[in-house]
Protein backbone atom coordinates (compact mmCIF):
# COMPACT_ATOMS: atom_id res chain seq x y z
CA UNK A 1 -57.75 -21.47 -34.02
CA UNK A 2 -58.27 -18.11 -32.29
CA UNK A 3 -61.98 -18.88 -31.91
CA UNK A 4 -61.07 -22.22 -30.27
CA UNK A 5 -59.04 -20.43 -27.56
CA UNK A 6 -61.77 -17.82 -27.07
CA UNK A 7 -64.40 -20.52 -26.66
CA UNK A 8 -62.28 -22.35 -24.04
CA UNK A 9 -59.75 -20.00 -22.28
CA UNK A 10 -58.88 -22.78 -19.80
CA UNK A 11 -56.71 -24.27 -22.56
CA UNK A 12 -54.26 -21.41 -22.06
CA UNK A 13 -54.45 -21.50 -18.25
CA UNK A 14 -53.80 -25.23 -18.23
CA UNK A 15 -50.73 -24.84 -20.47
CA UNK A 16 -48.77 -22.32 -18.38
CA UNK A 17 -45.96 -23.44 -16.07
CA UNK A 18 -47.07 -21.42 -13.04
CA UNK A 19 -49.70 -22.73 -10.65
CA UNK A 20 -53.04 -20.92 -10.88
CA UNK A 21 -55.91 -20.89 -8.41
CA UNK A 22 -59.25 -19.16 -8.83
CA UNK A 23 -61.29 -18.23 -5.72
CA UNK A 24 -64.77 -16.93 -5.08
CA UNK A 25 -65.44 -14.35 -2.38
CA UNK A 26 -65.92 -17.10 0.23
CA UNK A 27 -62.37 -18.29 -0.40
CA UNK A 28 -63.44 -21.51 -2.07
CA UNK A 29 -61.42 -22.83 -5.02
CA UNK A 30 -63.20 -22.51 -8.35
CA UNK A 31 -60.23 -23.29 -10.62
CA UNK A 32 -57.00 -25.32 -10.23
CA UNK A 33 -54.66 -25.76 -13.19
CA UNK A 34 -52.42 -28.84 -13.82
CA UNK A 35 -49.21 -26.95 -12.83
CA UNK A 36 -50.70 -26.32 -9.37
CA UNK A 37 -51.54 -30.01 -9.08
CA UNK A 38 -47.97 -31.06 -9.98
CA UNK A 39 -46.38 -28.67 -7.50
CA UNK A 40 -48.65 -29.39 -4.51
CA UNK A 41 -49.66 -33.02 -5.04
CA UNK A 42 -53.32 -32.07 -4.52
CA UNK A 43 -55.68 -32.92 -7.39
CA UNK A 44 -58.26 -30.40 -8.54
CA UNK A 45 -61.19 -32.60 -7.54
CA UNK A 46 -59.81 -32.66 -3.97
CA UNK A 47 -59.73 -28.84 -3.75
CA UNK A 48 -62.55 -27.43 -5.88
CA UNK A 49 -65.32 -25.95 -3.73
CA UNK A 50 -63.07 -26.01 -0.65
CA UNK A 51 -60.93 -23.45 1.16
CA UNK A 52 -57.40 -24.20 -0.13
CA UNK A 53 -55.72 -22.32 2.72
CA UNK A 54 -56.38 -25.15 5.17
CA UNK A 55 -54.72 -27.64 2.82
CA UNK A 56 -51.38 -26.08 1.96
CA UNK A 57 -51.15 -22.54 3.32
CA UNK A 58 -51.95 -23.26 6.97
CA UNK A 59 -48.48 -22.71 8.47
CA UNK A 60 -45.35 -20.62 8.05
CA UNK A 61 -42.04 -22.22 7.07
CA UNK A 62 -41.03 -22.55 10.73
CA UNK A 63 -44.31 -24.34 11.57
CA UNK A 64 -46.08 -21.39 13.21
CA UNK A 65 -49.84 -21.29 12.44
CA UNK A 66 -50.90 -19.01 9.59
CA UNK A 67 -54.52 -17.90 10.26
CA UNK A 68 -56.70 -17.55 7.15
CA UNK A 69 -57.63 -13.96 8.01
CA UNK A 70 -53.91 -13.04 7.71
CA UNK A 71 -53.48 -14.82 4.36
CA UNK A 72 -52.55 -12.33 1.65
CA UNK A 73 -54.63 -14.19 -0.94
CA UNK A 74 -57.74 -13.98 1.24
CA UNK A 75 -57.04 -10.32 1.97
CA UNK A 76 -57.26 -9.58 -1.77
CA UNK A 77 -60.77 -11.09 -1.81
CA UNK A 78 -61.86 -8.62 0.85
CA UNK A 79 -60.12 -5.36 -0.14
CA UNK A 80 -59.61 -5.90 -3.89
CA UNK A 81 -55.87 -4.98 -3.72
CA UNK A 82 -53.15 -6.62 -5.80
CA UNK A 83 -50.35 -8.27 -3.78
CA UNK A 84 -46.93 -9.73 -4.58
CA UNK A 85 -45.46 -12.06 -1.94
CA UNK A 86 -41.93 -13.59 -2.01
CA UNK A 87 -41.19 -15.12 1.38
CA UNK A 88 -43.82 -17.80 2.08
CA UNK A 89 -44.21 -21.55 1.59
CA UNK A 90 -46.95 -23.86 0.34
CA UNK A 91 -47.36 -27.31 1.91
CA UNK A 92 -47.62 -30.39 -0.28
CA UNK A 93 -50.03 -33.26 0.22
CA UNK A 94 -47.13 -35.43 1.51
CA UNK A 95 -46.44 -32.92 4.33
CA UNK A 96 -43.36 -31.31 2.82
CA UNK A 97 -43.21 -27.67 1.84
CA UNK A 98 -41.60 -25.57 -0.88
CA UNK A 99 -40.76 -21.89 -1.18
CA UNK A 100 -43.15 -19.90 -3.32
CA UNK A 101 -43.40 -16.50 -4.91
CA UNK A 102 -46.97 -15.55 -5.80
CA UNK A 103 -49.27 -12.75 -6.85
CA UNK A 104 -52.83 -12.30 -5.67
CA UNK A 105 -55.03 -10.35 -8.11
CA UNK A 106 -58.66 -9.31 -7.66
CA UNK A 107 -61.26 -10.35 -10.28
CA UNK A 108 -64.05 -7.93 -11.23
CA UNK A 109 -67.21 -8.38 -13.28
CA UNK A 110 -69.33 -5.36 -14.18
CA UNK A 111 -67.15 -3.36 -11.71
CA UNK A 112 -68.12 -5.78 -8.97
CA UNK A 113 -65.46 -7.79 -7.06
CA UNK A 114 -66.33 -11.46 -7.54
CA UNK A 115 -63.15 -13.25 -6.39
CA UNK A 116 -59.36 -13.49 -6.84
CA UNK A 117 -56.68 -15.29 -8.82
CA UNK A 118 -53.44 -16.52 -7.26
CA UNK A 119 -50.51 -17.30 -9.58
CA UNK A 120 -47.53 -18.95 -7.93
CA UNK A 121 -44.24 -20.62 -8.81
CA UNK A 122 -41.82 -22.87 -6.99
CA UNK A 123 -38.65 -20.87 -6.13
CA UNK A 124 -36.95 -23.59 -4.07
CA UNK A 125 -34.06 -23.96 -6.55
CA UNK A 126 -33.66 -20.19 -6.69
CA UNK A 127 -33.46 -20.07 -2.89
CA UNK A 128 -31.00 -22.96 -2.87
CA UNK A 129 -28.85 -21.09 -5.39
CA UNK A 130 -29.03 -17.91 -3.31
CA UNK A 131 -28.11 -19.84 -0.16
CA UNK A 132 -25.24 -21.49 -2.01
CA UNK A 133 -24.04 -18.10 -3.24
CA UNK A 134 -24.28 -16.65 0.27
CA UNK A 135 -22.38 -19.63 1.65
CA UNK A 136 -19.77 -19.27 -1.09
CA UNK A 137 -19.47 -15.55 -0.40
CA UNK A 138 -19.08 -16.23 3.32
CA UNK A 139 -16.39 -18.77 2.50
CA UNK A 140 -14.65 -16.29 0.21
CA UNK A 141 -14.80 -13.64 2.95
CA UNK A 142 -13.44 -16.15 5.45
CA UNK A 143 -10.59 -17.09 3.10
CA UNK A 144 -9.98 -13.42 2.38
CA UNK A 145 -9.66 -12.67 6.08
CA UNK A 146 -7.44 -15.69 6.46
CA UNK A 147 -5.23 -14.50 3.61
CA UNK A 148 -5.08 -11.04 5.16
CA UNK A 149 -3.99 -12.57 8.44
CA UNK A 150 -1.39 -14.70 6.66
CA UNK A 151 -0.23 -11.69 4.66
CA UNK A 152 0.07 -9.64 7.85
CA UNK A 153 2.01 -12.49 9.42
CA UNK A 154 4.34 -12.78 6.42
CA UNK A 155 4.85 -9.01 6.38
CA UNK A 156 5.61 -9.12 10.09
CA UNK A 157 8.08 -11.94 9.46
CA UNK A 158 9.64 -9.98 6.60
CA UNK A 159 9.86 -6.85 8.70
CA UNK A 160 11.38 -8.90 11.50
CA UNK A 161 14.07 -10.07 9.08
CA UNK A 162 14.72 -6.48 8.02
CA UNK A 163 14.09 -4.91 11.44
CA UNK A 164 17.75 -4.43 12.32
CA UNK A 165 18.37 -3.04 8.84
CA UNK A 166 15.96 -0.14 9.34
CA UNK A 167 14.14 -1.08 6.12
CA UNK A 168 10.55 -1.73 7.21
CA UNK A 169 7.19 -1.28 5.52
CA UNK A 170 4.36 -3.11 3.77
CA UNK A 171 3.49 -0.74 0.91
CA UNK A 172 3.66 -2.09 -2.64
CA UNK A 173 6.35 0.37 -3.76
CA UNK A 174 8.51 -0.45 -0.74
CA UNK A 175 8.09 -4.22 -1.08
CA UNK A 176 9.01 -3.90 -4.77
CA UNK A 177 12.22 -2.13 -3.74
CA UNK A 178 13.04 -4.90 -1.22
CA UNK A 179 12.57 -7.51 -3.94
CA UNK A 180 15.05 -5.61 -6.13
CA UNK A 181 17.55 -5.51 -3.26
CA UNK A 182 17.24 -9.26 -2.73
CA UNK A 183 17.63 -9.92 -6.46
CA UNK A 184 20.80 -7.91 -7.02
CA UNK A 185 22.52 -8.34 -3.64
CA UNK A 186 24.15 -11.74 -4.37
CA UNK A 187 25.73 -10.39 -7.57
CA UNK A 188 28.71 -8.08 -8.01
CA UNK A 189 26.75 -5.79 -10.34
CA UNK A 190 27.05 -2.04 -9.91
CA UNK A 191 23.93 -0.53 -8.36
CA UNK A 192 22.76 3.07 -8.71
CA UNK A 193 20.43 4.13 -5.87
CA UNK A 194 18.11 7.01 -6.76
CA UNK A 195 15.88 8.99 -4.44
CA UNK A 196 15.20 12.23 -2.64
CA UNK A 197 17.22 13.42 0.32
CA UNK A 198 16.35 11.60 3.53
CA UNK A 199 14.72 8.55 1.95
CA UNK A 200 17.34 6.10 3.26
CA UNK A 201 19.62 5.53 0.28
CA UNK A 202 22.56 4.71 2.54
CA UNK A 203 20.43 2.10 4.35
CA UNK A 204 19.71 0.47 1.01
CA UNK A 205 23.44 0.46 0.18
CA UNK A 206 24.38 -1.09 3.53
CA UNK A 207 21.77 -3.81 3.08
CA UNK A 208 22.97 -4.55 -0.44
CA UNK A 209 26.36 -5.18 1.16
CA UNK A 210 24.88 -7.11 4.12
CA UNK A 211 23.10 -9.55 1.81
CA UNK A 212 26.04 -9.98 -0.56
CA UNK A 213 28.87 -12.48 -0.58
CA UNK A 214 31.14 -9.61 0.50
CA UNK A 215 29.32 -9.03 3.78
CA UNK A 216 32.33 -10.23 5.77
CA UNK A 217 34.54 -7.59 4.13
CA UNK A 218 34.67 -3.80 4.39
CA UNK A 219 31.86 -1.41 3.52
CA UNK A 220 33.52 1.91 2.74
CA UNK A 221 31.46 5.07 2.27
CA UNK A 222 32.63 8.11 0.31
CA UNK A 223 30.58 11.32 0.34
CA UNK A 224 31.50 12.80 -3.02
CA UNK A 225 30.14 16.22 -1.99
CA UNK A 226 32.39 16.45 1.05
CA UNK A 227 35.68 16.97 -0.80
CA UNK A 228 37.14 19.41 -3.28
CA UNK A 229 38.22 17.84 -6.62
CA UNK A 230 41.89 17.93 -5.53
CA UNK A 231 41.19 16.29 -2.16
CA UNK A 232 38.77 13.76 -3.60
CA UNK A 233 41.45 12.08 -5.71
CA UNK A 234 43.61 11.62 -2.61
CA UNK A 235 40.62 10.32 -0.62
CA UNK A 236 39.63 7.83 -3.31
CA UNK A 237 43.05 6.61 -4.44
CA UNK A 238 45.37 7.51 -1.57
CA UNK A 239 48.73 9.31 -1.78
CA UNK A 240 52.41 8.80 -1.25
CA UNK A 241 54.53 10.66 1.25
CA UNK A 242 55.50 14.05 -0.15
CA UNK A 243 52.99 13.86 -2.99
CA UNK A 244 51.75 17.34 -2.04
CA UNK A 245 52.18 19.87 0.70
CA UNK A 246 51.04 18.32 3.96
CA UNK A 247 51.41 14.71 2.77
CA UNK A 248 53.81 13.68 5.53
CA UNK A 249 53.22 9.93 5.12
CA UNK A 250 51.71 7.54 2.59
CA UNK A 251 48.02 6.88 2.94
CA UNK A 252 45.67 4.27 1.51
CA UNK A 253 42.65 5.57 -0.35
CA UNK A 254 39.06 4.44 0.01
CA UNK A 255 39.33 2.07 -2.95
CA UNK A 256 42.22 0.22 -1.34
CA UNK A 257 40.37 0.05 1.97
CA UNK A 258 37.35 -1.42 0.16
CA UNK A 259 39.37 -4.13 -1.60
CA UNK A 260 37.33 -7.39 -1.69
CA UNK A 261 34.42 -5.45 -0.15
CA UNK A 262 31.98 -2.72 -1.20
CA UNK A 263 32.53 0.97 -1.83
CA UNK A 264 29.54 3.30 -1.55
CA UNK A 265 29.83 6.52 -3.54
CA UNK A 266 27.20 8.79 -2.05
CA UNK A 267 26.09 11.98 -3.84
CA UNK A 268 27.81 10.79 -7.00
CA UNK A 269 26.22 13.67 -8.92
CA UNK A 270 28.49 16.12 -7.08
CA UNK A 271 31.68 14.72 -8.66
CA UNK A 272 33.68 17.15 -10.79
CA UNK A 273 34.27 16.09 -14.42
CA UNK A 274 37.99 15.54 -13.77
CA UNK A 275 37.23 13.16 -10.90
CA UNK A 276 34.58 11.44 -13.02
CA UNK A 277 37.15 10.42 -15.64
CA UNK A 278 39.45 8.92 -12.98
CA UNK A 279 36.56 7.07 -11.36
CA UNK A 280 35.56 5.68 -14.76
CA UNK A 281 38.96 4.06 -15.17
CA UNK A 282 38.65 2.29 -11.82
CA UNK A 283 35.20 0.98 -12.74
CA UNK A 284 36.43 -0.23 -16.12
CA UNK A 285 39.90 -1.56 -15.28
CA UNK A 286 39.71 -2.05 -11.49
CA UNK A 287 43.07 -0.34 -11.20
CA UNK A 288 44.49 3.06 -10.18
CA UNK A 289 47.59 4.85 -8.93
CA UNK A 290 48.00 6.67 -5.68
CA UNK A 291 48.63 10.39 -5.94
CA UNK A 292 52.38 10.81 -6.34
CA UNK A 293 52.96 7.19 -7.40
CA UNK A 294 53.39 5.47 -10.75
CA UNK A 295 52.67 2.01 -9.37
CA UNK A 296 49.38 0.61 -10.62
CA UNK A 297 47.30 -1.11 -7.97
CA UNK A 298 44.56 -3.64 -8.61
CA UNK A 299 41.38 -3.83 -6.56
CA UNK A 300 38.42 -6.20 -6.41
CA UNK A 301 35.45 -4.14 -5.34
CA UNK A 302 31.69 -3.89 -5.72
CA UNK A 303 30.53 -0.33 -6.47
CA UNK A 304 27.27 1.14 -5.20
CA UNK A 305 26.47 4.76 -6.02
CA UNK A 306 23.66 7.04 -4.89
CA UNK A 307 22.30 10.43 -5.87
CA UNK A 308 19.27 12.64 -5.47
CA UNK A 309 19.96 14.32 -8.80
CA UNK A 310 18.78 13.52 -12.32
CA UNK A 311 22.00 12.13 -13.78
CA UNK A 312 20.58 11.80 -17.28
CA UNK A 313 19.65 15.48 -17.30
CA UNK A 314 23.22 16.22 -16.13
CA UNK A 315 24.54 14.08 -19.01
CA UNK A 316 22.48 16.07 -21.49
CA UNK A 317 23.73 19.36 -20.03
CA UNK A 318 27.35 18.19 -20.16
CA UNK A 319 27.82 18.02 -16.37
CA UNK A 320 28.15 14.26 -16.17
CA UNK A 321 30.03 11.85 -18.41
CA UNK A 322 27.75 9.61 -20.44
CA UNK A 323 30.17 6.66 -20.28
CA UNK A 324 30.30 6.92 -16.47
CA UNK A 325 26.52 7.17 -16.37
CA UNK A 326 26.16 3.86 -18.21
CA UNK A 327 28.82 2.25 -16.01
CA UNK A 328 26.89 3.23 -12.88
CA UNK A 329 23.36 2.66 -14.18
CA UNK A 330 23.65 -1.14 -14.46
CA UNK A 331 20.91 -1.87 -11.93
CA UNK A 332 19.05 1.23 -10.74
CA UNK A 333 16.98 1.08 -7.55
CA UNK A 334 14.62 3.93 -6.75
CA UNK A 335 13.93 4.56 -3.07
CA UNK A 336 10.34 5.85 -2.84
CA UNK A 337 9.71 9.13 -0.99
CA UNK A 338 7.80 8.88 2.27
CA UNK A 339 4.76 10.65 0.80
CA UNK A 340 4.41 7.72 -1.64
CA UNK A 341 4.34 5.13 1.16
CA UNK A 342 2.40 6.75 3.99
CA UNK A 343 0.90 3.42 4.99
CA UNK A 344 4.41 2.48 6.15
CA UNK A 345 4.57 5.29 8.70
CA UNK A 346 3.32 3.15 11.66
CA UNK A 347 6.00 0.54 10.88
CA UNK A 348 8.72 3.16 10.48
CA UNK A 349 7.68 4.87 13.71
CA UNK A 350 7.80 1.59 15.60
CA UNK A 351 11.31 0.94 14.30
CA UNK A 352 12.53 4.49 14.96
CA UNK A 353 11.03 4.57 18.47
CA UNK A 354 12.85 1.30 19.30
CA UNK A 355 16.10 2.98 18.23
CA UNK A 356 15.29 6.10 20.25
CA UNK A 357 14.59 3.99 23.35
CA UNK A 358 18.09 2.54 23.11
CA UNK A 359 19.77 5.86 22.38
CA UNK A 360 17.83 8.03 24.84
CA UNK A 361 17.27 5.43 27.54
CA UNK A 362 13.50 5.77 27.20
CA UNK A 363 10.72 3.18 27.46
CA UNK A 364 8.34 4.56 24.87
CA UNK A 365 5.57 2.20 23.77
CA UNK A 366 4.59 3.94 20.56
CA UNK A 367 2.36 6.64 19.12
CA UNK A 368 -1.29 7.45 19.71
CA UNK A 369 -3.76 6.84 16.88
CA UNK A 370 -4.28 10.59 16.59
CA UNK A 371 -0.55 11.17 16.23
CA UNK A 372 -0.27 8.50 13.52
CA UNK A 373 -3.17 10.09 11.64
CA UNK A 374 -1.43 13.48 11.85
CA UNK A 375 1.84 12.00 10.61
CA UNK A 376 0.11 10.31 7.69
CA UNK A 377 -1.61 13.57 6.70
CA UNK A 378 1.75 15.35 6.32
CA UNK A 379 3.72 15.44 3.04
CA UNK A 380 7.24 14.88 4.50
CA UNK A 381 9.43 16.92 2.19
CA UNK A 382 12.37 15.82 4.33
CA UNK A 383 11.28 12.16 4.12
CA UNK A 384 12.34 9.63 6.79
CA UNK A 385 15.07 11.92 8.10
CA UNK A 386 12.45 14.55 8.89
CA UNK A 387 10.20 11.91 10.50
CA UNK A 388 13.13 10.78 12.62
CA UNK A 389 13.78 14.34 13.78
CA UNK A 390 10.10 14.86 14.68
CA UNK A 391 10.00 11.64 16.70
CA UNK A 392 13.25 12.43 18.48
CA UNK A 393 11.95 15.86 19.47
CA UNK A 394 8.71 14.36 20.77
CA UNK A 395 10.61 11.59 22.60
CA UNK A 396 12.70 14.20 24.41
CA UNK A 397 9.67 16.34 25.30
CA UNK A 398 7.24 13.56 26.22
CA UNK A 399 6.61 12.51 29.81
CA UNK A 400 4.21 9.77 28.70
CA UNK A 401 4.99 6.33 27.31
CA UNK A 402 2.69 6.93 24.33
CA UNK A 403 3.85 9.82 22.16
CA UNK A 404 1.55 12.65 21.11
CA UNK A 405 2.50 15.50 18.79
CA UNK A 406 3.25 18.54 20.95
CA UNK A 407 2.84 20.88 17.99
CA UNK A 408 0.96 20.49 14.70
CA UNK A 409 2.79 19.61 11.53
CA UNK A 410 2.43 22.10 8.72
CA UNK A 411 0.57 19.96 6.20
CA UNK A 412 0.43 22.92 3.82
CA UNK A 413 4.15 23.61 3.85
CA UNK A 414 4.52 22.45 0.25
CA UNK A 415 1.95 25.03 -0.83
CA UNK A 416 4.18 27.80 0.52
CA UNK A 417 7.26 26.83 -1.49
CA UNK A 418 8.71 29.42 -3.83
CA UNK A 419 8.85 27.47 -7.08
CA UNK A 420 10.75 30.29 -8.81
CA UNK A 421 13.90 29.47 -6.83
CA UNK A 422 16.58 27.22 -8.30
CA UNK A 423 17.51 24.12 -6.31
CA UNK A 424 20.81 25.68 -5.24
CA UNK A 425 19.16 28.91 -4.10
CA UNK A 426 16.46 27.01 -2.18
CA UNK A 427 19.17 24.93 -0.47
CA UNK A 428 21.16 28.09 0.24
CA UNK A 429 18.23 29.82 1.92
CA UNK A 430 17.35 26.74 3.97
CA UNK A 431 20.92 26.20 5.16
CA UNK A 432 21.27 29.88 6.13
CA UNK A 433 18.01 29.71 8.08
CA UNK A 434 19.17 26.63 10.01
CA UNK A 435 22.59 28.19 10.63
CA UNK A 436 20.95 31.29 12.07
CA UNK A 437 18.75 29.14 14.31
CA UNK A 438 21.93 27.38 15.46
CA UNK A 439 23.75 30.70 16.05
CA UNK A 440 26.05 29.67 13.17
CA UNK A 441 27.34 26.68 15.10
CA UNK A 442 28.10 23.89 12.60
CA UNK A 443 29.28 20.98 14.72
CA UNK A 444 28.07 19.51 18.00
CA UNK A 445 24.71 18.18 19.15
CA UNK A 446 23.12 21.63 18.77
CA UNK A 447 24.92 22.44 15.52
CA UNK A 448 23.36 22.98 12.11
CA UNK A 449 24.84 19.76 10.67
CA UNK A 450 22.82 17.64 13.10
CA UNK A 451 19.64 19.63 12.45
CA UNK A 452 20.10 19.28 8.70
CA UNK A 453 20.79 15.55 9.06
CA UNK A 454 24.14 15.59 7.28
CA UNK A 455 27.82 15.13 8.21
CA UNK A 456 29.70 18.27 9.25
CA UNK A 457 32.08 17.86 6.30
CA UNK A 458 29.15 17.72 3.87
CA UNK A 459 27.66 20.90 5.32
CA UNK A 460 30.97 22.76 5.07
CA UNK A 461 31.35 21.59 1.47
CA UNK A 462 27.86 22.80 0.59
CA UNK A 463 28.55 26.12 2.29
CA UNK A 464 31.66 26.58 0.13
CA UNK A 465 29.80 25.55 -3.00
CA UNK A 466 26.83 27.84 -2.27
CA UNK A 467 29.13 30.67 -1.02
CA UNK A 468 27.53 30.80 2.41
CA UNK A 469 29.50 32.91 4.88
CA UNK A 470 28.56 34.43 8.19
CA UNK A 471 27.94 38.15 7.78
CA UNK A 472 30.26 39.72 10.33
């Protein structure tokens, strides 16, 4: 069998699926295999002894003439170099063409160049597949762009719905929070809002009320850090005339004022243990007594609480009642810090600038691209409240309609923190520094309370707690 193939090697050449041409040095065909005949429609007896180029390699795909002296197959006959060509066509006998990929290889005998062999294959289907894939990819890109545009539109619509609420943004963490708000708002379930200072926990609480069935009723806020334990009970539950020194008339507490509405217990982690036990009863029984009264009063309220502290850690250290923790932690919502949603900064700035225009009587159009880049490079330890303060300062200073940053933000501020300080000591040092900058003025537009972004009563309470006194 081997001898049979050696005696007649054309048996192998005729069996292969690729087209094969053999040429002498004059460019005349000396061999044409059956595969070449099938692909081109030209029979061997029509091509042997003739220059094949003029039959089916005479033109480019676009019809431009293809001179024989530029043909890569002919070039191999002259310089003896191997060539691999991918982007040409061969013309069939019926006048049609097909895409080909071919190699042109020199043939030597006794180290003498005697001709060339061209091996080609029809790659029309491959090209069709590639074109189809490119078309499909273009369609996918088009649909992707369309989806992006639709997504941007939907986000804009969503932000328009929330615009007056102050809750704007497109980041995944923020949109997840909005979905949680929409899910729990229609219910009367207790919500515990968690998050760092300045992230907008009160905004979340107000929107929970706005979207609830109680939106037509009162939204009553209680800052649990603003009152001493003795005063807090009176604030929450009210008092009767003569209940204590200075109680010259009866007074409704915050729970009574919030009846049929929502009560927002801010900084719930600051409650003393004694006040926690009394609050627990209201949450469990929806009833209480005013200070100095034995009459039990019923209330129908929805409770929303907020804190920047780790309540579970406080439970484990004995600073917070575990039963109250479980009463409050029915549906927790975490407000992400600004550093976790920096892509929302342009949206937040647009919203805040609109508010500043109303409040300051300005006509600011927005921020420059450079300013936005600077804002997004900053870590915002003070979160949205700090961003609001920066924008307000720039709005006051700016004489242009497009805001720039008049001074650089300290992007490395977090690297300079003293991590050995306790939270209370760090707060103490910061409050003292702001008080000194304010010449120890607490209230008023230039007072420390405004600069710290907190109510005057909250600042005074923190000063008492942290034993901050002016050194006279």
